Structures are given as structure tokens and as C-alpha cells.
N, C-alpha and C. Protein backbone atom coordinates (compact mmCIF):
# COMPACT_ATOMS: atom_id res chain seq x y z
N VAL A 1 12.91 -29.69 81.99
CA VAL A 1 14.32 -30.06 82.01
C VAL A 1 15.08 -29.11 82.94
N GLN A 2 15.83 -29.70 83.85
CA GLN A 2 16.71 -28.89 84.72
C GLN A 2 18.15 -29.22 84.34
N LEU A 3 18.97 -28.20 84.23
CA LEU A 3 20.37 -28.37 83.86
C LEU A 3 21.26 -27.92 85.01
N GLN A 4 22.21 -28.76 85.35
CA GLN A 4 23.14 -28.46 86.43
C GLN A 4 24.56 -28.46 85.89
N ALA A 5 25.17 -27.29 85.84
CA ALA A 5 26.55 -27.17 85.37
C ALA A 5 27.50 -27.28 86.54
N SER A 6 28.65 -27.88 86.29
CA SER A 6 29.67 -28.03 87.33
C SER A 6 31.03 -28.11 86.69
N GLY A 7 32.06 -28.08 87.53
CA GLY A 7 33.41 -28.25 87.04
C GLY A 7 34.21 -26.97 86.93
N GLY A 8 33.57 -25.85 87.17
CA GLY A 8 34.30 -24.59 87.13
C GLY A 8 35.27 -24.48 88.29
N GLY A 9 36.13 -23.50 88.21
CA GLY A 9 37.09 -23.28 89.26
C GLY A 9 38.21 -22.39 88.79
N LEU A 10 39.30 -22.45 89.52
CA LEU A 10 40.47 -21.63 89.22
C LEU A 10 41.48 -22.45 88.42
N ALA A 11 41.94 -21.89 87.32
CA ALA A 11 42.94 -22.55 86.49
C ALA A 11 44.00 -21.54 86.09
N GLN A 12 45.17 -22.03 85.82
CA GLN A 12 46.25 -21.16 85.38
C GLN A 12 46.21 -20.97 83.87
N VAL A 13 46.77 -19.90 83.41
CA VAL A 13 46.92 -19.69 81.97
C VAL A 13 47.66 -20.88 81.39
N GLY A 14 47.10 -21.40 80.31
CA GLY A 14 47.68 -22.58 79.69
C GLY A 14 47.17 -23.89 80.24
N GLY A 15 46.39 -23.80 81.31
CA GLY A 15 45.87 -25.00 81.95
C GLY A 15 44.58 -25.50 81.33
N SER A 16 43.97 -26.46 82.02
CA SER A 16 42.76 -27.11 81.51
C SER A 16 41.70 -27.23 82.59
N LEU A 17 40.47 -27.27 82.15
CA LEU A 17 39.33 -27.56 83.00
C LEU A 17 38.31 -28.30 82.16
N LYS A 18 37.52 -29.14 82.82
CA LYS A 18 36.44 -29.82 82.12
C LYS A 18 35.13 -29.52 82.81
N LEU A 19 34.23 -28.91 82.08
CA LEU A 19 32.91 -28.60 82.61
C LEU A 19 31.94 -29.72 82.26
N SER A 20 30.99 -29.92 83.14
CA SER A 20 29.93 -30.90 82.91
C SER A 20 28.59 -30.22 83.08
N CYS A 21 27.62 -30.72 82.36
CA CYS A 21 26.25 -30.23 82.49
C CYS A 21 25.34 -31.45 82.44
N THR A 22 24.69 -31.72 83.56
CA THR A 22 23.82 -32.88 83.65
C THR A 22 22.36 -32.44 83.69
N ALA A 23 21.59 -33.09 82.86
CA ALA A 23 20.17 -32.78 82.78
C ALA A 23 19.36 -33.73 83.64
N SER A 24 18.29 -33.22 84.17
CA SER A 24 17.35 -34.05 84.93
C SER A 24 15.94 -33.65 84.54
N GLY A 25 15.01 -34.49 84.86
CA GLY A 25 13.62 -34.21 84.54
C GLY A 25 13.14 -34.97 83.31
N ARG A 26 14.00 -35.09 82.34
CA ARG A 26 13.73 -35.89 81.17
C ARG A 26 15.03 -36.11 80.41
N THR A 27 15.02 -37.07 79.52
CA THR A 27 16.22 -37.31 78.73
C THR A 27 16.42 -36.19 77.71
N VAL A 28 17.68 -35.83 77.50
CA VAL A 28 18.00 -34.80 76.50
C VAL A 28 18.72 -35.42 75.31
N SER A 29 18.55 -36.72 75.12
CA SER A 29 19.26 -37.41 74.04
C SER A 29 18.82 -36.92 72.66
N THR A 30 17.66 -36.29 72.56
CA THR A 30 17.20 -35.77 71.27
C THR A 30 17.31 -34.25 71.21
N TYR A 31 18.04 -33.67 72.14
CA TYR A 31 18.18 -32.22 72.25
C TYR A 31 19.54 -31.77 71.73
N ASP A 32 19.57 -30.61 71.12
CA ASP A 32 20.83 -29.93 70.86
C ASP A 32 21.27 -29.26 72.17
N MET A 33 22.56 -29.27 72.41
CA MET A 33 23.08 -28.71 73.66
C MET A 33 24.14 -27.66 73.36
N GLY A 34 24.18 -26.64 74.18
CA GLY A 34 25.15 -25.57 73.96
C GLY A 34 25.78 -25.08 75.24
N TRP A 35 26.92 -24.42 75.07
CA TRP A 35 27.60 -23.74 76.16
C TRP A 35 27.72 -22.26 75.79
N PHE A 36 27.43 -21.41 76.72
CA PHE A 36 27.59 -19.97 76.59
C PHE A 36 28.42 -19.48 77.77
N ARG A 37 28.91 -18.26 77.68
CA ARG A 37 29.65 -17.70 78.80
C ARG A 37 29.40 -16.19 78.90
N GLN A 38 29.57 -15.69 80.10
CA GLN A 38 29.41 -14.27 80.33
C GLN A 38 30.55 -13.78 81.20
N ALA A 39 31.38 -12.96 80.61
CA ALA A 39 32.49 -12.38 81.35
C ALA A 39 32.00 -11.15 82.12
N PRO A 40 32.72 -10.76 83.15
CA PRO A 40 32.31 -9.59 83.94
C PRO A 40 32.16 -8.35 83.06
N GLY A 41 31.00 -7.71 83.16
CA GLY A 41 30.76 -6.49 82.41
C GLY A 41 30.45 -6.68 80.94
N LYS A 42 30.29 -7.93 80.52
CA LYS A 42 30.04 -8.20 79.11
C LYS A 42 28.75 -8.99 78.94
N GLU A 43 28.27 -9.02 77.70
CA GLU A 43 27.07 -9.78 77.41
C GLU A 43 27.42 -11.28 77.29
N ARG A 44 26.41 -12.08 77.48
CA ARG A 44 26.60 -13.52 77.32
C ARG A 44 26.87 -13.83 75.86
N GLU A 45 27.79 -14.79 75.62
CA GLU A 45 28.17 -15.12 74.26
C GLU A 45 28.22 -16.63 74.06
N PHE A 46 28.02 -17.03 72.83
CA PHE A 46 28.09 -18.42 72.45
C PHE A 46 29.53 -18.94 72.56
N VAL A 47 29.67 -20.18 73.01
CA VAL A 47 30.98 -20.82 73.08
C VAL A 47 31.03 -22.06 72.18
N ALA A 48 30.10 -22.98 72.39
CA ALA A 48 30.12 -24.23 71.64
C ALA A 48 28.75 -24.87 71.68
N ALA A 49 28.47 -25.70 70.69
CA ALA A 49 27.21 -26.44 70.65
C ALA A 49 27.44 -27.78 69.99
N ILE A 50 26.60 -28.74 70.34
CA ILE A 50 26.68 -30.08 69.77
C ILE A 50 25.28 -30.56 69.48
N ASN A 51 25.12 -31.24 68.36
CA ASN A 51 23.77 -31.70 68.04
C ASN A 51 23.45 -32.98 68.80
N TRP A 52 22.22 -33.43 68.67
CA TRP A 52 21.73 -34.50 69.52
C TRP A 52 22.52 -35.80 69.34
N SER A 53 23.03 -36.04 68.11
CA SER A 53 23.70 -37.31 67.81
C SER A 53 25.22 -37.22 67.89
N SER A 54 25.72 -36.06 68.25
CA SER A 54 27.17 -35.81 68.28
C SER A 54 27.80 -35.82 66.90
N SER A 55 27.01 -35.74 65.86
CA SER A 55 27.55 -35.75 64.50
C SER A 55 28.00 -34.37 64.05
N ALA A 56 27.66 -33.33 64.80
CA ALA A 56 28.05 -31.98 64.43
C ALA A 56 28.32 -31.16 65.68
N ALA A 57 29.34 -30.34 65.61
CA ALA A 57 29.69 -29.44 66.70
C ALA A 57 30.08 -28.09 66.11
N HIS A 58 29.81 -27.06 66.86
CA HIS A 58 30.11 -25.70 66.42
C HIS A 58 30.83 -24.98 67.55
N TYR A 59 31.76 -24.08 67.17
CA TYR A 59 32.57 -23.39 68.16
C TYR A 59 32.70 -21.91 67.82
N LYS A 60 32.81 -21.12 68.87
CA LYS A 60 33.22 -19.73 68.71
C LYS A 60 34.64 -19.74 68.18
N ASP A 61 34.94 -18.83 67.27
CA ASP A 61 36.26 -18.85 66.63
C ASP A 61 37.40 -18.83 67.63
N SER A 62 37.26 -18.07 68.69
CA SER A 62 38.38 -17.90 69.62
C SER A 62 38.64 -19.14 70.48
N VAL A 63 37.76 -20.12 70.45
CA VAL A 63 38.00 -21.33 71.25
C VAL A 63 38.28 -22.55 70.38
N LYS A 64 38.18 -22.39 69.07
CA LYS A 64 38.46 -23.51 68.17
C LYS A 64 39.88 -23.99 68.38
N GLY A 65 40.03 -25.31 68.45
CA GLY A 65 41.35 -25.89 68.68
C GLY A 65 41.75 -25.95 70.14
N ARG A 66 40.99 -25.29 71.01
CA ARG A 66 41.30 -25.32 72.43
C ARG A 66 40.20 -25.99 73.25
N PHE A 67 38.95 -25.83 72.83
CA PHE A 67 37.81 -26.40 73.55
C PHE A 67 37.21 -27.53 72.72
N ILE A 68 36.71 -28.53 73.42
CA ILE A 68 36.00 -29.63 72.78
C ILE A 68 34.69 -29.88 73.51
N ILE A 69 33.60 -29.86 72.77
CA ILE A 69 32.30 -30.19 73.35
C ILE A 69 31.98 -31.64 73.01
N SER A 70 31.42 -32.33 73.98
CA SER A 70 31.05 -33.73 73.76
C SER A 70 29.83 -34.03 74.63
N ARG A 71 29.26 -35.19 74.42
CA ARG A 71 28.10 -35.56 75.22
C ARG A 71 28.05 -37.05 75.43
N ASP A 72 27.40 -37.44 76.50
CA ASP A 72 27.15 -38.85 76.80
C ASP A 72 25.65 -38.95 77.07
N ASN A 73 24.92 -39.38 76.07
CA ASN A 73 23.47 -39.41 76.20
C ASN A 73 23.01 -40.43 77.25
N ALA A 74 23.80 -41.45 77.47
CA ALA A 74 23.44 -42.43 78.49
C ALA A 74 23.47 -41.81 79.88
N LYS A 75 24.31 -40.78 80.03
CA LYS A 75 24.43 -40.09 81.32
C LYS A 75 23.68 -38.77 81.33
N ASN A 76 23.02 -38.46 80.20
CA ASN A 76 22.27 -37.21 80.11
C ASN A 76 23.16 -36.01 80.40
N THR A 77 24.39 -36.08 79.91
CA THR A 77 25.40 -35.09 80.27
C THR A 77 26.15 -34.59 79.03
N VAL A 78 26.43 -33.29 79.04
CA VAL A 78 27.27 -32.70 78.01
C VAL A 78 28.50 -32.12 78.70
N TYR A 79 29.63 -32.15 78.00
CA TYR A 79 30.90 -31.73 78.56
C TYR A 79 31.52 -30.61 77.73
N LEU A 80 32.37 -29.84 78.37
CA LEU A 80 33.19 -28.87 77.65
C LEU A 80 34.61 -29.00 78.20
N GLN A 81 35.46 -29.63 77.41
CA GLN A 81 36.88 -29.76 77.76
C GLN A 81 37.59 -28.51 77.29
N MET A 82 38.16 -27.77 78.22
CA MET A 82 38.82 -26.52 77.90
C MET A 82 40.32 -26.68 78.15
N SER A 83 41.12 -26.38 77.15
CA SER A 83 42.57 -26.48 77.26
C SER A 83 43.20 -25.18 76.80
N SER A 84 44.48 -25.05 77.09
CA SER A 84 45.22 -23.83 76.71
C SER A 84 44.45 -22.59 77.12
N LEU A 85 44.00 -22.59 78.34
CA LEU A 85 43.14 -21.51 78.82
C LEU A 85 43.86 -20.16 78.79
N LYS A 86 43.10 -19.13 78.51
CA LYS A 86 43.60 -17.77 78.45
C LYS A 86 42.85 -16.91 79.47
N PHE A 87 43.44 -15.77 79.80
CA PHE A 87 42.78 -14.85 80.73
C PHE A 87 41.35 -14.55 80.26
N GLU A 88 41.20 -14.37 78.96
CA GLU A 88 39.91 -13.97 78.40
C GLU A 88 38.86 -15.07 78.45
N ASP A 89 39.23 -16.26 78.89
CA ASP A 89 38.25 -17.33 79.07
C ASP A 89 37.55 -17.22 80.42
N THR A 90 38.02 -16.33 81.26
CA THR A 90 37.38 -16.12 82.56
C THR A 90 35.95 -15.65 82.37
N ALA A 91 35.01 -16.41 82.92
CA ALA A 91 33.59 -16.08 82.74
C ALA A 91 32.74 -17.06 83.53
N LEU A 92 31.48 -16.73 83.61
CA LEU A 92 30.47 -17.65 84.12
C LEU A 92 29.96 -18.44 82.93
N TYR A 93 30.08 -19.76 82.99
CA TYR A 93 29.73 -20.62 81.87
C TYR A 93 28.37 -21.26 82.11
N PHE A 94 27.51 -21.16 81.10
CA PHE A 94 26.16 -21.69 81.17
C PHE A 94 25.97 -22.80 80.13
N CYS A 95 25.25 -23.83 80.51
CA CYS A 95 24.84 -24.80 79.51
C CYS A 95 23.37 -24.57 79.18
N ALA A 96 22.99 -25.00 77.99
CA ALA A 96 21.63 -24.75 77.52
C ALA A 96 21.19 -25.92 76.65
N ALA A 97 19.87 -26.09 76.54
CA ALA A 97 19.32 -27.21 75.77
C ALA A 97 18.16 -26.74 74.90
N HIS A 98 18.09 -27.32 73.71
CA HIS A 98 16.98 -27.06 72.78
C HIS A 98 16.40 -28.38 72.31
N GLY A 99 15.11 -28.55 72.56
CA GLY A 99 14.45 -29.79 72.19
C GLY A 99 13.80 -29.72 70.83
N PRO A 100 13.31 -30.87 70.39
CA PRO A 100 12.67 -30.95 69.07
C PRO A 100 11.45 -30.02 68.98
N PRO A 101 11.16 -29.49 67.78
CA PRO A 101 11.88 -29.71 66.53
C PRO A 101 13.20 -28.96 66.51
N LEU A 102 14.23 -29.59 65.95
CA LEU A 102 15.56 -29.01 65.96
C LEU A 102 15.72 -28.05 64.80
N GLY A 103 16.60 -27.07 65.01
CA GLY A 103 16.86 -26.07 63.99
C GLY A 103 18.35 -25.92 63.79
N SER A 104 18.77 -24.69 63.50
CA SER A 104 20.19 -24.48 63.23
C SER A 104 20.74 -23.19 63.83
N ALA A 105 19.96 -22.55 64.68
CA ALA A 105 20.40 -21.28 65.27
C ALA A 105 21.26 -21.53 66.50
N TRP A 106 22.24 -22.39 66.32
CA TRP A 106 23.04 -22.89 67.43
C TRP A 106 23.70 -21.78 68.25
N GLU A 107 24.06 -20.69 67.62
CA GLU A 107 24.83 -19.65 68.29
C GLU A 107 23.95 -18.60 68.95
N GLU A 108 22.64 -18.76 68.84
CA GLU A 108 21.72 -17.75 69.34
C GLU A 108 21.09 -18.17 70.67
N GLU A 109 21.07 -17.25 71.61
CA GLU A 109 20.47 -17.56 72.91
C GLU A 109 19.01 -17.93 72.77
N TYR A 110 18.29 -17.30 71.86
CA TYR A 110 16.86 -17.55 71.73
C TYR A 110 16.55 -18.98 71.28
N TYR A 111 17.53 -19.66 70.72
CA TYR A 111 17.33 -21.02 70.22
C TYR A 111 17.08 -22.01 71.37
N TYR A 112 17.61 -21.69 72.53
CA TYR A 112 17.61 -22.64 73.62
C TYR A 112 16.43 -22.44 74.56
N ASP A 113 15.85 -23.58 74.96
CA ASP A 113 14.65 -23.56 75.79
C ASP A 113 14.96 -23.62 77.27
N TYR A 114 16.07 -24.24 77.62
CA TYR A 114 16.40 -24.48 79.02
C TYR A 114 17.84 -24.04 79.28
N TRP A 115 18.06 -23.51 80.47
CA TRP A 115 19.37 -22.99 80.85
C TRP A 115 19.75 -23.48 82.25
N GLY A 116 21.05 -23.75 82.40
CA GLY A 116 21.58 -24.07 83.72
C GLY A 116 21.93 -22.79 84.46
N GLN A 117 22.41 -22.96 85.69
CA GLN A 117 22.65 -21.81 86.55
C GLN A 117 24.03 -21.20 86.38
N GLY A 118 24.91 -21.88 85.68
CA GLY A 118 26.24 -21.33 85.46
C GLY A 118 27.28 -21.86 86.43
N THR A 119 28.49 -22.00 85.93
CA THR A 119 29.63 -22.39 86.75
C THR A 119 30.78 -21.45 86.41
N LEU A 120 31.46 -20.95 87.42
CA LEU A 120 32.45 -19.90 87.24
C LEU A 120 33.82 -20.48 86.91
N VAL A 121 34.41 -19.96 85.86
CA VAL A 121 35.78 -20.30 85.47
C VAL A 121 36.63 -19.05 85.60
N THR A 122 37.69 -19.17 86.36
CA THR A 122 38.62 -18.06 86.55
C THR A 122 40.01 -18.51 86.12
N VAL A 123 40.59 -17.78 85.18
CA VAL A 123 41.92 -18.11 84.68
C VAL A 123 42.89 -17.05 85.20
N SER A 124 43.94 -17.51 85.86
CA SER A 124 44.91 -16.59 86.44
C SER A 124 46.32 -16.99 86.06
N SER A 125 47.25 -16.10 86.33
CA SER A 125 48.66 -16.39 86.00
C SER A 125 49.34 -17.14 87.13
């Protein structure tokens, strides 16, 4: 599975961006998908995850109510709609995928088998 993240760029505080992550190589319709981010000088951290059927989603506390993760299995794509952006959202955003058998370690990097290359989000005033 290859993951290609896109949609990053420059946004103003309070603005919005929508990230996309498209998988190739095989269908990820039975995979859990996640978004992580790494700010300059910091470790990579969990942002959001969605299960294979879109029946469950999980978020980092600081993005709850501002970010929405979704997926379109027909397009083999997962999205991260980011709103009310803050300076602290500035980071390189990575998408990740975990295939069957599925578990529940959604917030852990080790849970994911495949990673995209990252897309940069910069929030400015």
C-alpha cells in the first residue's frame, strides 16, 4: 500500500484546510486509517483516526470540535477537514493505514503498517 497525502499549505489563524490521503496498490476499504502530525522540534503525535466502516472516529483532545476525519472507500481516500486553525496546528501531517486483523491502538504509531510522506500545514496570522 502506498499513501499519498496532499492538501497542505498556508492558512490563516481561524481558517480551514482539507487534507486528503489517497491509497494505491490495493484497496484500503478494510483498513483503519489515521492522521498524525509532527511540529518542528517535536515528536510525531496522533491527530485523528477512523475505522474501516466509518462507524467510529477518534481525535486528539486539542482538535476535537475543529477537525473532522472522514473517508470515501470508493475513492480509496481518507480526509481531514481542519477548521478554526491555530498556530499550534502548524506541522507536517502524515496519513497512515492499518490492515486486518484490526485492533484498537488507534493513537499509537506502532499500530499502523503503512505511512504517507507527509503534507505541510502552516498556520499564520
